[in-house]
């Protein structure tokens, strides 16, 4: 199993634990990510071969890649207003500023 597959499996397992705990208390959670480098964990040379250091070990890629990050609905700019709506105006006093992009949900009381 590749390193990135192992890490994604661990993440899925941990998210399931969090999901189950939040379901028990009838809560909500939002998982947000921008982008990362799971699709390519090592640096590459101009020929796209894995780059090695002076000791012959793989050079780990710790920076973001240029791969596009899809959002299921709308875009990342709408996330802040959506999270603020989920936190609740009545419960915590959060009010979405008018200059924010619109929320992705409608709160019905």
PDB file of N, CA and C in Angstrom:
ATOM      1  N   UNK A   1       0.855  -1.173   0.000  1.00  0.00           N
ATOM      2  CA  UNK A   1       0.000   0.000   0.000  1.00  0.00           C
ATOM      3  C   UNK A   1       0.896   1.230   0.000  1.00  0.00           C
ATOM      4  N   UNK A   2       0.592   2.179  -0.874  1.00  0.00           N
ATOM      5  CA  UNK A   2       1.411   3.386  -0.934  1.00  0.00           C
ATOM      6  C   UNK A   2       1.180   4.251   0.298  1.00  0.00           C
ATOM      7  N   UNK A   3       2.122   5.131   0.553  1.00  0.00           N
ATOM      8  CA  UNK A   3       2.050   6.014   1.716  1.00  0.00           C
ATOM      9  C   UNK A   3       0.803   6.883   1.676  1.00  0.00           C
ATOM     10  N   UNK A   4       0.492   7.448   0.512  1.00  0.00           N
ATOM     11  CA  UNK A   4      -0.681   8.328   0.435  1.00  0.00           C
ATOM     12  C   UNK A   4      -1.979   7.544   0.614  1.00  0.00           C
ATOM     13  N   UNK A   5      -2.054   6.324   0.101  1.00  0.00           N
ATOM     14  CA  UNK A   5      -3.255   5.498   0.294  1.00  0.00           C
ATOM     15  C   UNK A   5      -3.428   5.180   1.772  1.00  0.00           C
ATOM     16  N   UNK A   6      -2.341   4.830   2.447  1.00  0.00           N
ATOM     17  CA  UNK A   6      -2.391   4.546   3.883  1.00  0.00           C
ATOM     18  C   UNK A   6      -2.898   5.763   4.654  1.00  0.00           C
ATOM     19  N   UNK A   7      -2.374   6.942   4.312  1.00  0.00           N
ATOM     20  CA  UNK A   7      -2.791   8.165   5.010  1.00  0.00           C
ATOM     21  C   UNK A   7      -4.259   8.471   4.763  1.00  0.00           C
ATOM     22  N   UNK A   8      -4.737   8.275   3.540  1.00  0.00           N
ATOM     23  CA  UNK A   8      -6.153   8.512   3.251  1.00  0.00           C
ATOM     24  C   UNK A   8      -7.037   7.520   4.000  1.00  0.00           C
ATOM     25  N   UNK A   9      -6.590   6.284   4.123  1.00  0.00           N
ATOM     26  CA  UNK A   9      -7.358   5.293   4.894  1.00  0.00           C
ATOM     27  C   UNK A   9      -7.435   5.700   6.359  1.00  0.00           C
ATOM     28  N   UNK A  10      -6.328   6.173   6.912  1.00  0.00           N
ATOM     29  CA  UNK A  10      -6.319   6.647   8.304  1.00  0.00           C
ATOM     30  C   UNK A  10      -7.255   7.833   8.469  1.00  0.00           C
ATOM     31  N   UNK A  11      -7.222   8.760   7.530  1.00  0.00           N
ATOM     32  CA  UNK A  11      -8.096   9.927   7.594  1.00  0.00           C
ATOM     33  C   UNK A  11      -9.564   9.509   7.546  1.00  0.00           C
ATOM     34  N   UNK A  12      -9.899   8.594   6.657  1.00  0.00           N
ATOM     35  CA  UNK A  12     -11.285   8.122   6.552  1.00  0.00           C
ATOM     36  C   UNK A  12     -11.734   7.474   7.861  1.00  0.00           C
ATOM     37  N   UNK A  13     -10.871   6.682   8.469  1.00  0.00           N
ATOM     38  CA  UNK A  13     -11.182   6.027   9.744  1.00  0.00           C
ATOM     39  C   UNK A  13     -11.405   7.059  10.840  1.00  0.00           C
ATOM     40  N   UNK A  14     -10.527   8.054  10.925  1.00  0.00           N
ATOM     41  CA  UNK A  14     -10.667   9.091  11.947  1.00  0.00           C
ATOM     42  C   UNK A  14     -11.920   9.938  11.727  1.00  0.00           C
ATOM     43  N   UNK A  15     -12.217  10.275  10.485  1.00  0.00           N
ATOM     44  CA  UNK A  15     -13.434  11.037  10.200  1.00  0.00           C
ATOM     45  C   UNK A  15     -14.684  10.247  10.576  1.00  0.00           C
ATOM     46  N   UNK A  16     -14.636   8.931  10.407  1.00  0.00           N
ATOM     47  CA  UNK A  16     -15.784   8.108  10.802  1.00  0.00           C
ATOM     48  C   UNK A  16     -15.986   8.147  12.315  1.00  0.00           C
ATOM     49  N   UNK A  17     -14.899   8.121  13.073  1.00  0.00           N
ATOM     50  CA  UNK A  17     -14.989   8.225  14.534  1.00  0.00           C
ATOM     51  C   UNK A  17     -15.603   9.567  14.928  1.00  0.00           C
ATOM     52  N   UNK A  18     -15.125  10.639  14.305  1.00  0.00           N
ATOM     53  CA  UNK A  18     -15.659  11.976  14.595  1.00  0.00           C
ATOM     54  C   UNK A  18     -17.138  12.043  14.201  1.00  0.00           C
ATOM     55  N   UNK A  19     -17.455  11.546  13.016  1.00  0.00           N
ATOM     56  CA  UNK A  19     -18.840  11.548  12.534  1.00  0.00           C
ATOM     57  C   UNK A  19     -19.760  10.827  13.513  1.00  0.00           C
ATOM     58  N   UNK A  20     -19.368   9.641  13.961  1.00  0.00           N
ATOM     59  CA  UNK A  20     -20.204   8.860  14.868  1.00  0.00           C
ATOM     60  C   UNK A  20     -20.431   9.586  16.190  1.00  0.00           C
ATOM     61  N   UNK A  21     -19.384  10.219  16.718  1.00  0.00           N
ATOM     62  CA  UNK A  21     -19.510  10.954  17.982  1.00  0.00           C
ATOM     63  C   UNK A  21     -20.443  12.151  17.824  1.00  0.00           C
ATOM     64  N   UNK A  22     -20.332  12.853  16.715  1.00  0.00           N
ATOM     65  CA  UNK A  22     -21.174  14.027  16.489  1.00  0.00           C
ATOM     66  C   UNK A  22     -22.625  13.613  16.243  1.00  0.00           C
ATOM     67  N   UNK A  23     -22.829  12.500  15.569  1.00  0.00           N
ATOM     68  CA  UNK A  23     -24.185  11.989  15.359  1.00  0.00           C
ATOM     69  C   UNK A  23     -24.864  11.680  16.693  1.00  0.00           C
ATOM     70  N   UNK A  24     -24.109  11.151  17.650  1.00  0.00           N
ATOM     71  CA  UNK A  24     -24.677  10.802  18.957  1.00  0.00           C
ATOM     72  C   UNK A  24     -25.231  12.020  19.684  1.00  0.00           C
ATOM     73  N   UNK A  25     -24.613  13.169  19.499  1.00  0.00           N
ATOM     74  CA  UNK A  25     -25.073  14.387  20.178  1.00  0.00           C
ATOM     75  C   UNK A  25     -25.894  15.283  19.244  1.00  0.00           C
ATOM     76  N   UNK A  26     -26.249  14.738  18.083  1.00  0.00           N
ATOM     77  CA  UNK A  26     -27.045  15.461  17.083  1.00  0.00           C
ATOM     78  C   UNK A  26     -26.391  16.787  16.685  1.00  0.00           C
ATOM     79  N   UNK A  27     -25.080  16.740  16.515  1.00  0.00           N
ATOM     80  CA  UNK A  27     -24.330  17.925  16.120  1.00  0.00           C
ATOM     81  C   UNK A  27     -24.069  17.950  14.632  1.00  0.00           C
ATOM     82  N   UNK A  28     -23.236  18.876  14.222  1.00  0.00           N
ATOM     83  CA  UNK A  28     -22.832  18.991  12.823  1.00  0.00           C
ATOM     84  C   UNK A  28     -21.321  19.143  12.766  1.00  0.00           C
ATOM     85  N   UNK A  29     -20.757  18.823  11.640  1.00  0.00           N
ATOM     86  CA  UNK A  29     -19.351  19.118  11.401  1.00  0.00           C
ATOM     87  C   UNK A  29     -19.143  19.393   9.925  1.00  0.00           C
ATOM     88  N   UNK A  30     -18.111  20.156   9.654  1.00  0.00           N
ATOM     89  CA  UNK A  30     -17.776  20.522   8.284  1.00  0.00           C
ATOM     90  C   UNK A  30     -16.314  20.169   8.071  1.00  0.00           C
ATOM     91  N   UNK A  31     -16.028  19.441   7.025  1.00  0.00           N
ATOM     92  CA  UNK A  31     -14.651  19.110   6.671  1.00  0.00           C
ATOM     93  C   UNK A  31     -14.289  19.971   5.473  1.00  0.00           C
ATOM     94  N   UNK A  32     -13.258  20.777   5.637  1.00  0.00           N
ATOM     95  CA  UNK A  32     -12.835  21.700   4.584  1.00  0.00           C
ATOM     96  C   UNK A  32     -11.356  21.455   4.300  1.00  0.00           C
ATOM     97  N   UNK A  33     -11.006  21.419   3.041  1.00  0.00           N
ATOM     98  CA  UNK A  33      -9.603  21.290   2.664  1.00  0.00           C
ATOM     99  C   UNK A  33      -9.354  22.166   1.450  1.00  0.00           C
ATOM    100  N   UNK A  34      -8.148  22.686   1.347  1.00  0.00           N
ATOM    101  CA  UNK A  34      -7.847  23.461   0.145  1.00  0.00           C
ATOM    102  C   UNK A  34      -7.240  22.530  -0.897  1.00  0.00           C
ATOM    103  N   UNK A  35      -6.027  22.177  -0.743  1.00  0.00           N
ATOM    104  CA  UNK A  35      -5.392  21.204  -1.624  1.00  0.00           C
ATOM    105  C   UNK A  35      -4.100  20.764  -0.976  1.00  0.00           C
ATOM    106  N   UNK A  36      -3.548  19.719  -1.480  1.00  0.00           N
ATOM    107  CA  UNK A  36      -2.340  19.197  -0.862  1.00  0.00           C
ATOM    108  C   UNK A  36      -1.452  18.557  -1.892  1.00  0.00           C
ATOM    109  N   UNK A  37      -0.793  17.522  -1.479  1.00  0.00           N
ATOM    110  CA  UNK A  37       0.123  16.856  -2.392  1.00  0.00           C
ATOM    111  C   UNK A  37      -0.031  15.342  -2.327  1.00  0.00           C
ATOM    112  N   UNK A  38      -1.203  14.857  -1.956  1.00  0.00           N
ATOM    113  CA  UNK A  38      -1.403  13.409  -1.858  1.00  0.00           C
ATOM    114  C   UNK A  38      -1.237  12.725  -3.210  1.00  0.00           C
ATOM    115  N   UNK A  39      -1.495  13.455  -4.287  1.00  0.00           N
ATOM    116  CA  UNK A  39      -1.376  12.838  -5.608  1.00  0.00           C
ATOM    117  C   UNK A  39       0.079  12.688  -6.053  1.00  0.00           C
ATOM    118  N   UNK A  40       0.997  13.346  -5.373  1.00  0.00           N
ATOM    119  CA  UNK A  40       2.418  13.220  -5.709  1.00  0.00           C
ATOM    120  C   UNK A  40       3.221  13.566  -4.467  1.00  0.00           C
ATOM    121  N   UNK A  41       3.772  12.570  -3.814  1.00  0.00           N
ATOM    122  CA  UNK A  41       4.423  12.759  -2.517  1.00  0.00           C
ATOM    123  C   UNK A  41       5.922  13.041  -2.613  1.00  0.00           C
ATOM    124  N   UNK A  42       6.486  12.998  -3.826  1.00  0.00           N
ATOM    125  CA  UNK A  42       7.921  13.232  -3.976  1.00  0.00           C
ATOM    126  C   UNK A  42       8.186  14.311  -5.020  1.00  0.00           C
ATOM    127  N   UNK A  43       9.335  14.960  -4.880  1.00  0.00           N
ATOM    128  CA  UNK A  43       9.749  15.940  -5.890  1.00  0.00           C
ATOM    129  C   UNK A  43      10.105  15.201  -7.170  1.00  0.00           C
ATOM    130  N   UNK A  44       9.975  15.892  -8.295  1.00  0.00           N
ATOM    131  CA  UNK A  44      10.254  15.278  -9.592  1.00  0.00           C
ATOM    132  C   UNK A  44      11.258  16.113 -10.372  1.00  0.00           C
ATOM    133  N   UNK A  45      12.070  15.433 -11.195  1.00  0.00           N
ATOM    134  CA  UNK A  45      12.995  16.162 -12.054  1.00  0.00           C
ATOM    135  C   UNK A  45      12.264  16.548 -13.343  1.00  0.00           C
ATOM    136  N   UNK A  46      12.991  17.150 -14.290  1.00  0.00           N
ATOM    137  CA  UNK A  46      12.358  17.627 -15.527  1.00  0.00           C
ATOM    138  C   UNK A  46      11.771  16.493 -16.361  1.00  0.00           C
ATOM    139  N   UNK A  47      12.286  15.286 -16.186  1.00  0.00           N
ATOM    140  CA  UNK A  47      11.763  14.125 -16.912  1.00  0.00           C
ATOM    141  C   UNK A  47      10.613  13.462 -16.151  1.00  0.00           C
ATOM    142  N   UNK A  48      10.174  14.078 -15.049  1.00  0.00           N
ATOM    143  CA  UNK A  48       9.082  13.592 -14.197  1.00  0.00           C
ATOM    144  C   UNK A  48       9.442  12.337 -13.409  1.00  0.00           C
ATOM    145  N   UNK A  49      10.756  12.056 -13.299  1.00  0.00           N
ATOM    146  CA  UNK A  49      11.203  10.935 -12.470  1.00  0.00           C
ATOM    147  C   UNK A  49      11.383  11.431 -11.044  1.00  0.00           C
ATOM    148  N   UNK A  50      11.180  10.536 -10.081  1.00  0.00           N
ATOM    149  CA  UNK A  50      11.334  10.902  -8.675  1.00  0.00           C
ATOM    150  C   UNK A  50      12.754  11.406  -8.422  1.00  0.00           C
ATOM    151  N   UNK A  51      12.858  12.577  -7.791  1.00  0.00           N
ATOM    152  CA  UNK A  51      14.163  13.183  -7.508  1.00  0.00           C
ATOM    153  C   UNK A  51      14.755  12.556  -6.250  1.00  0.00           C
ATOM    154  N   UNK A  52      16.057  12.348  -6.287  1.00  0.00           N
ATOM    155  CA  UNK A  52      16.768  11.754  -5.156  1.00  0.00           C
ATOM    156  C   UNK A  52      17.725  12.769  -4.550  1.00  0.00           C
ATOM    157  N   UNK A  53      17.973  12.634  -3.244  1.00  0.00           N
ATOM    158  CA  UNK A  53      18.952  13.513  -2.600  1.00  0.00           C
ATOM    159  C   UNK A  53      20.353  12.930  -2.769  1.00  0.00           C
ATOM    160  N   UNK A  54      21.354  13.530  -2.132  1.00  0.00           N
ATOM    161  CA  UNK A  54      22.749  13.097  -2.271  1.00  0.00           C
ATOM    162  C   UNK A  54      22.977  11.682  -1.765  1.00  0.00           C
ATOM    163  N   UNK A  55      22.118  11.229  -0.851  1.00  0.00           N
ATOM    164  CA  UNK A  55      22.243   9.878  -0.294  1.00  0.00           C
ATOM    165  C   UNK A  55      21.422   8.851  -1.072  1.00  0.00           C
ATOM    166  N   UNK A  56      20.770   9.298  -2.142  1.00  0.00           N
ATOM    167  CA  UNK A  56      19.973   8.396  -2.958  1.00  0.00           C
ATOM    168  C   UNK A  56      18.562   8.156  -2.435  1.00  0.00           C
ATOM    169  N   UNK A  57      18.151   8.945  -1.450  1.00  0.00           N
ATOM    170  CA  UNK A  57      16.800   8.807  -0.900  1.00  0.00           C
ATOM    171  C   UNK A  57      15.847   9.745  -1.639  1.00  0.00           C
ATOM    172  N   UNK A  58      14.584   9.356  -1.673  1.00  0.00           N
ATOM    173  CA  UNK A  58      13.574  10.192  -2.317  1.00  0.00           C
ATOM    174  C   UNK A  58      13.476  11.544  -1.632  1.00  0.00           C
ATOM    175  N   UNK A  59      13.318  12.592  -2.428  1.00  0.00           N
ATOM    176  CA  UNK A  59      13.094  13.934  -1.882  1.00  0.00           C
ATOM    177  C   UNK A  59      11.591  14.113  -1.690  1.00  0.00           C
ATOM    178  N   UNK A  60      11.187  14.272  -0.451  1.00  0.00           N
ATOM    179  CA  UNK A  60       9.772  14.402  -0.112  1.00  0.00           C
ATOM    180  C   UNK A  60       9.251  15.768  -0.557  1.00  0.00           C
ATOM    181  N   UNK A  61       8.076  15.765  -1.149  1.00  0.00           N
ATOM    182  CA  UNK A  61       7.417  17.002  -1.568  1.00  0.00           C
ATOM    183  C   UNK A  61       6.524  17.470  -0.423  1.00  0.00           C
ATOM    184  N   UNK A  62       6.886  18.572   0.202  1.00  0.00           N
ATOM    185  CA  UNK A  62       6.119  19.088   1.337  1.00  0.00           C
ATOM    186  C   UNK A  62       5.253  20.286   0.957  1.00  0.00           C
ATOM    187  N   UNK A  63       5.347  20.732  -0.279  1.00  0.00           N
ATOM    188  CA  UNK A  63       4.579  21.906  -0.706  1.00  0.00           C
ATOM    189  C   UNK A  63       3.301  21.471  -1.421  1.00  0.00           C
ATOM    190  N   UNK A  64       2.417  22.427  -1.653  1.00  0.00           N
ATOM    191  CA  UNK A  64       1.202  22.156  -2.409  1.00  0.00           C
ATOM    192  C   UNK A  64       1.547  21.932  -3.874  1.00  0.00           C
ATOM    193  N   UNK A  65       0.739  21.149  -4.540  1.00  0.00           N
ATOM    194  CA  UNK A  65       0.895  20.971  -5.980  1.00  0.00           C
ATOM    195  C   UNK A  65      -0.022  21.966  -6.689  1.00  0.00           C
ATOM    196  N   UNK A  66       0.022  21.965  -7.991  1.00  0.00           N
ATOM    197  CA  UNK A  66      -0.806  22.876  -8.779  1.00  0.00           C
ATOM    198  C   UNK A  66      -2.077  22.205  -9.286  1.00  0.00           C
ATOM    199  N   UNK A  67      -2.400  21.042  -8.752  1.00  0.00           N
ATOM    200  CA  UNK A  67      -3.612  20.342  -9.164  1.00  0.00           C
ATOM    201  C   UNK A  67      -4.839  21.156  -8.761  1.00  0.00           C
ATOM    202  N   UNK A  68      -5.877  21.178  -9.597  1.00  0.00           N
ATOM    203  CA  UNK A  68      -7.094  21.908  -9.229  1.00  0.00           C
ATOM    204  C   UNK A  68      -7.800  21.228  -8.058  1.00  0.00           C
ATOM    205  N   UNK A  69      -8.507  22.029  -7.279  1.00  0.00           N
ATOM    206  CA  UNK A  69      -9.235  21.519  -6.124  1.00  0.00           C
ATOM    207  C   UNK A  69     -10.726  21.679  -6.398  1.00  0.00           C
ATOM    208  N   UNK A  70     -11.409  20.585  -6.701  1.00  0.00           N
ATOM    209  CA  UNK A  70     -12.836  20.709  -6.996  1.00  0.00           C
ATOM    210  C   UNK A  70     -13.655  20.927  -5.728  1.00  0.00           C
ATOM    211  N   UNK A  71     -14.688  21.710  -5.859  1.00  0.00           N
ATOM    212  CA  UNK A  71     -15.672  21.866  -4.788  1.00  0.00           C
ATOM    213  C   UNK A  71     -16.967  21.286  -5.328  1.00  0.00           C
ATOM    214  N   UNK A  72     -17.694  20.591  -4.511  1.00  0.00           N
ATOM    215  CA  UNK A  72     -18.944  19.970  -4.951  1.00  0.00           C
ATOM    216  C   UNK A  72     -19.964  21.017  -5.398  1.00  0.00           C
ATOM    217  N   UNK A  73     -20.074  22.095  -4.642  1.00  0.00           N
ATOM    218  CA  UNK A  73     -21.034  23.145  -4.950  1.00  0.00           C
ATOM    219  C   UNK A  73     -20.341  24.484  -4.751  1.00  0.00           C
ATOM    220  N   UNK A  74     -20.536  25.402  -5.643  1.00  0.00           N
ATOM    221  CA  UNK A  74     -19.995  26.757  -5.534  1.00  0.00           C
ATOM    222  C   UNK A  74     -18.479  26.718  -5.367  1.00  0.00           C
ATOM    223  N   UNK A  75     -17.938  27.482  -4.435  1.00  0.00           N
ATOM    224  CA  UNK A  75     -16.496  27.542  -4.282  1.00  0.00           C
ATOM    225  C   UNK A  75     -16.097  27.788  -2.848  1.00  0.00           C
ATOM    226  N   UNK A  76     -14.817  27.833  -2.638  1.00  0.00           N
ATOM    227  CA  UNK A  76     -14.261  28.009  -1.304  1.00  0.00           C
ATOM    228  C   UNK A  76     -14.687  29.340  -0.690  1.00  0.00           C
ATOM    229  N   UNK A  77     -14.944  30.337  -1.515  1.00  0.00           N
ATOM    230  CA  UNK A  77     -15.334  31.659  -1.005  1.00  0.00           C
ATOM    231  C   UNK A  77     -16.659  31.615  -0.250  1.00  0.00           C
ATOM    232  N   UNK A  78     -17.494  30.623  -0.513  1.00  0.00           N
ATOM    233  CA  UNK A  78     -18.790  30.507   0.155  1.00  0.00           C
ATOM    234  C   UNK A  78     -18.703  29.777   1.494  1.00  0.00           C
ATOM    235  N   UNK A  79     -17.575  29.170   1.777  1.00  0.00           N
ATOM    236  CA  UNK A  79     -17.448  28.339   2.974  1.00  0.00           C
ATOM    237  C   UNK A  79     -17.573  29.151   4.258  1.00  0.00           C
ATOM    238  N   UNK A  80     -16.957  30.319   4.331  1.00  0.00           N
ATOM    239  CA  UNK A  80     -16.988  31.112   5.568  1.00  0.00           C
ATOM    240  C   UNK A  80     -18.415  31.449   5.972  1.00  0.00           C
ATOM    241  N   UNK A  81     -19.218  31.930   5.040  1.00  0.00           N
ATOM    242  CA  UNK A  81     -20.609  32.266   5.352  1.00  0.00           C
ATOM    243  C   UNK A  81     -21.398  31.022   5.743  1.00  0.00           C
ATOM    244  N   UNK A  82     -21.131  29.914   5.078  1.00  0.00           N
ATOM    245  CA  UNK A  82     -21.837  28.671   5.393  1.00  0.00           C
ATOM    246  C   UNK A  82     -21.514  28.200   6.801  1.00  0.00           C
ATOM    247  N   UNK A  83     -20.237  28.218   7.164  1.00  0.00           N
ATOM    248  CA  UNK A  83     -19.842  27.806   8.517  1.00  0.00           C
ATOM    249  C   UNK A  83     -20.458  28.735   9.553  1.00  0.00           C
ATOM    250  N   UNK A  84     -20.467  30.030   9.279  1.00  0.00           N
ATOM    251  CA  UNK A  84     -21.078  30.972  10.225  1.00  0.00           C
ATOM    252  C   UNK A  84     -22.569  30.693  10.379  1.00  0.00           C
ATOM    253  N   UNK A  85     -23.246  30.348   9.284  1.00  0.00           N
ATOM    254  CA  UNK A  85     -24.664  29.980   9.384  1.00  0.00           C
ATOM    255  C   UNK A  85     -24.844  28.714  10.214  1.00  0.00           C
ATOM    256  N   UNK A  86     -23.962  27.749  10.029  1.00  0.00           N
ATOM    257  CA  UNK A  86     -24.056  26.506  10.792  1.00  0.00           C
ATOM    258  C   UNK A  86     -23.816  26.741  12.281  1.00  0.00           C
ATOM    259  N   UNK A  87     -22.919  27.669  12.610  1.00  0.00           N
ATOM    260  CA  UNK A  87     -22.662  27.985  14.017  1.00  0.00           C
ATOM    261  C   UNK A  87     -23.864  28.664  14.658  1.00  0.00           C
ATOM    262  N   UNK A  88     -24.597  29.402  13.890  1.00  0.00           N
ATOM    263  CA  UNK A  88     -25.868  29.941  14.348  1.00  0.00           C
ATOM    264  C   UNK A  88     -25.835  31.339  14.911  1.00  0.00           C
ATOM    265  N   UNK A  89     -26.700  32.180  14.363  1.00  0.00           N
ATOM    266  CA  UNK A  89     -26.838  33.553  14.850  1.00  0.00           C
ATOM    267  C   UNK A  89     -27.429  33.553  16.253  1.00  0.00           C
ATOM    268  N   UNK A  90     -28.465  32.764  16.473  1.00  0.00           N
ATOM    269  CA  UNK A  90     -29.131  32.762  17.773  1.00  0.00           C
ATOM    270  C   UNK A  90     -28.298  32.078  18.852  1.00  0.00           C
ATOM    271  N   UNK A  91     -27.607  31.019  18.490  1.00  0.00           N
ATOM    272  CA  UNK A  91     -26.851  30.247  19.473  1.00  0.00           C
ATOM    273  C   UNK A  91     -25.560  30.939  19.887  1.00  0.00           C
ATOM    274  N   UNK A  92     -24.793  31.419  18.911  1.00  0.00           N
ATOM    275  CA  UNK A  92     -23.470  31.980  19.204  1.00  0.00           C
ATOM    276  C   UNK A  92     -23.326  33.445  18.796  1.00  0.00           C
ATOM    277  N   UNK A  93     -24.336  34.024  18.199  1.00  0.00           N
ATOM    278  CA  UNK A  93     -24.272  35.424  17.811  1.00  0.00           C
ATOM    279  C   UNK A  93     -23.534  35.698  16.515  1.00  0.00           C
ATOM    280  N   UNK A  94     -23.279  34.671  15.711  1.00  0.00           N
ATOM    281  CA  UNK A  94     -22.569  34.877  14.451  1.00  0.00           C
ATOM    282  C   UNK A  94     -23.511  35.449  13.396  1.00  0.00           C
ATOM    283  N   UNK A  95     -23.123  36.548  12.808  1.00  0.00           N
ATOM    284  CA  UNK A  95     -23.878  37.154  11.717  1.00  0.00           C
ATOM    285  C   UNK A  95     -22.928  37.280  10.535  1.00  0.00           C
ATOM    286  N   UNK A  96     -23.353  36.791   9.392  1.00  0.00           N
ATOM    287  CA  UNK A  96     -22.508  36.821   8.199  1.00  0.00           C
ATOM    288  C   UNK A  96     -22.416  38.253   7.685  1.00  0.00           C
ATOM    289  N   UNK A  97     -21.197  38.800   7.553  1.00  0.00           N
ATOM    290  CA  UNK A  97     -21.040  40.154   7.008  1.00  0.00           C
ATOM    291  C   UNK A  97     -21.574  40.235   5.576  1.00  0.00           C
ATOM    292  N   UNK A  98     -22.112  41.361   5.215  1.00  0.00           N
ATOM    293  CA  UNK A  98     -22.735  41.528   3.894  1.00  0.00           C
ATOM    294  C   UNK A  98     -21.731  41.399   2.750  1.00  0.00           C
ATOM    295  N   UNK A  99     -20.457  41.663   3.016  1.00  0.00           N
ATOM    296  CA  UNK A  99     -19.462  41.575   1.934  1.00  0.00           C
ATOM    297  C   UNK A  99     -19.006  40.141   1.651  1.00  0.00           C
ATOM    298  N   UNK A 100     -19.432  39.175   2.459  1.00  0.00           N
ATOM    299  CA  UNK A 100     -19.089  37.770   2.229  1.00  0.00           C
ATOM    300  C   UNK A 100     -19.869  37.226   1.036  1.00  0.00           C
ATOM    301  N   UNK A 101     -19.324  36.203   0.400  1.00  0.00           N
ATOM    302  CA  UNK A 101     -20.066  35.474  -0.627  1.00  0.00           C
ATOM    303  C   UNK A 101     -21.244  34.778   0.053  1.00  0.00           C
ATOM    304  N   UNK A 102     -22.295  34.457  -0.689  1.00  0.00           N
ATOM    305  CA  UNK A 102     -23.480  33.875  -0.053  1.00  0.00           C
ATOM    306  C   UNK A 102     -23.234  32.485   0.536  1.00  0.00           C
ATOM    307  N   UNK A 103     -24.021  32.175   1.554  1.00  0.00           N
ATOM    308  CA  UNK A 103     -23.973  30.865   2.189  1.00  0.00           C
ATOM    309  C   UNK A 103     -24.510  29.794   1.243  1.00  0.00           C
ATOM    310  N   UNK A 104     -24.142  28.555   1.488  1.00  0.00           N
ATOM    311  CA  UNK A 104     -24.618  27.441   0.673  1.00  0.00           C
ATOM    312  C   UNK A 104     -25.842  26.777   1.285  1.00  0.00           C
ATOM    313  N   UNK A 105     -26.285  27.265   2.437  1.00  0.00           N
ATOM    314  CA  UNK A 105     -27.440  26.673   3.105  1.00  0.00           C
ATOM    315  C   UNK A 105     -28.454  27.757   3.453  1.00  0.00           C
ATOM    316  N   UNK A 106     -29.655  27.330   3.721  1.00  0.00           N
ATOM    317  CA  UNK A 106     -30.679  28.232   4.228  1.00  0.00           C
ATOM    318  C   UNK A 106     -31.052  27.746   5.616  1.00  0.00           C
ATOM    319  N   UNK A 107     -30.952  28.620   6.586  1.00  0.00           N
ATOM    320  CA  UNK A 107     -31.289  28.260   7.957  1.00  0.00           C
ATOM    321  C   UNK A 107     -32.776  28.501   8.160  1.00  0.00           C
ATOM    322  N   UNK A 108     -33.484  27.454   8.543  1.00  0.00           N
ATOM    323  CA  UNK A 108     -34.918  27.546   8.795  1.00  0.00           C
ATOM    324  C   UNK A 108     -35.140  27.267  10.269  1.00  0.00           C
ATOM    325  N   UNK A 109     -35.793  28.202  10.942  1.00  0.00           N
ATOM    326  CA  UNK A 109     -36.029  28.029  12.382  1.00  0.00           C
ATOM    327  C   UNK A 109     -37.473  27.685  12.638  1.00  0.00           C
TER     328      UNK A 109
END
